[in-house]
Amino acid sequence: MRRIENATNRQVTFSKRRNGLLKKARELSVLCDAQVAVIIFSQKGRLYQFSSSDTHITRARAQLLDVVPEVIAFGI
C-alpha cells in the first residue's frame, strides 16, 4: 500500500473511505449493540466523528487532546 500522490485523487479516496468507515462504525454499533467512537482528522485538520453515545465521544476527545500535541511534535 502506498500514499496516493495526486492530491485530488487522495482527497476523493479519503472522502469515500471516511464515509465507509463511519457507516461501518454505525452498523457495528446497531447490529452488535457495541459502544463505538471514531474520530478522524483530515490532512487539513478537519474533524469527523461518530459515537454511539455522547459520553463516549466526549471521553475520546479528551483523551485525544492529551495525545495530539505529542503526535504532532513527533510528526506521526
Protein backbone atom coordinates (compact mmCIF):
# COMPACT_ATOMS: atom_id res chain seq x y z
CA MET A 1 0.00 0.00 0.00
CA ARG A 2 1.37 3.40 -0.99
CA ARG A 3 0.38 7.02 -0.49
CA ILE A 4 -1.70 8.45 -3.33
CA GLU A 5 0.49 11.16 -4.86
CA ASN A 6 -2.22 13.05 -6.78
CA ALA A 7 -3.86 15.45 -4.28
CA THR A 8 -7.29 15.35 -5.93
CA ASN A 9 -7.37 11.55 -6.08
CA ARG A 10 -6.11 11.39 -2.49
CA GLN A 11 -8.94 13.69 -1.29
CA VAL A 12 -11.59 11.73 -3.19
CA THR A 13 -10.28 8.46 -1.75
CA PHE A 14 -10.17 9.95 1.75
CA SER A 15 -13.79 11.11 1.48
CA LYS A 16 -15.05 7.75 0.22
CA ARG A 17 -13.12 5.74 2.80
CA ARG A 18 -14.07 8.12 5.62
CA ASN A 19 -17.75 7.76 4.76
CA GLY A 20 -17.39 3.98 4.54
CA LEU A 21 -15.60 3.80 7.88
CA LEU A 22 -18.23 5.94 9.63
CA LYS A 23 -21.00 3.82 8.10
CA LYS A 24 -19.34 0.63 9.35
CA ALA A 25 -18.99 2.16 12.82
CA ARG A 26 -22.73 2.94 12.89
CA GLU A 27 -23.56 -0.56 11.67
CA LEU A 28 -21.32 -2.16 14.29
CA SER A 29 -22.97 -0.08 16.99
CA VAL A 30 -26.51 -1.00 15.93
CA LEU A 31 -26.04 -4.63 14.92
CA CYS A 32 -23.88 -5.67 17.86
CA ASP A 33 -25.10 -3.19 20.48
CA ALA A 34 -21.47 -2.11 20.76
CA GLN A 35 -20.16 1.14 22.16
CA VAL A 36 -18.24 2.74 19.31
CA ALA A 37 -16.39 6.03 18.92
CA VAL A 38 -14.47 7.05 15.80
CA ILE A 39 -12.53 10.28 15.41
CA ILE A 40 -10.90 11.11 12.08
CA PHE A 41 -8.78 14.14 11.22
CA SER A 42 -8.28 15.07 7.59
CA GLN A 43 -4.90 16.18 6.28
CA LYS A 44 -6.08 19.77 6.75
CA GLY A 45 -7.08 19.10 10.36
CA ARG A 46 -10.84 18.89 9.88
CA LEU A 47 -12.58 16.68 12.44
CA TYR A 48 -15.04 13.93 11.51
CA GLN A 49 -16.61 11.80 14.21
CA PHE A 50 -19.16 9.18 15.12
CA SER A 51 -20.12 7.92 18.54
CA SER A 52 -22.80 5.56 19.70
CA SER A 53 -23.28 7.94 22.65
CA ASP A 54 -22.26 11.48 23.51
CA THR A 55 -20.40 10.26 26.58
CA HIS A 56 -18.02 8.13 24.53
CA ILE A 57 -17.11 10.86 22.08
CA THR A 58 -16.56 13.37 24.89
CA ARG A 59 -14.21 10.96 26.67
CA ALA A 60 -12.42 10.05 23.43
CA ARG A 61 -11.95 13.73 22.56
CA ALA A 62 -10.47 14.46 25.99
CA GLN A 63 -8.02 11.57 25.66
CA LEU A 64 -7.16 12.59 22.12
CA LEU A 65 -6.43 16.17 23.11
CA ASP A 66 -3.84 14.82 25.55
CA VAL A 67 -2.14 12.82 22.78
CA VAL A 68 -2.41 15.06 19.70
CA PRO A 69 0.29 17.60 20.69
CA GLU A 70 2.76 14.75 21.19
CA VAL A 71 1.81 13.16 17.88
CA ILE A 72 2.20 16.47 16.05
CA ALA A 73 5.55 17.11 17.73
CA PHE A 74 6.89 13.75 16.51
CA GLY A 75 5.42 14.17 13.02
CA ILE A 76 3.46 10.94 13.25
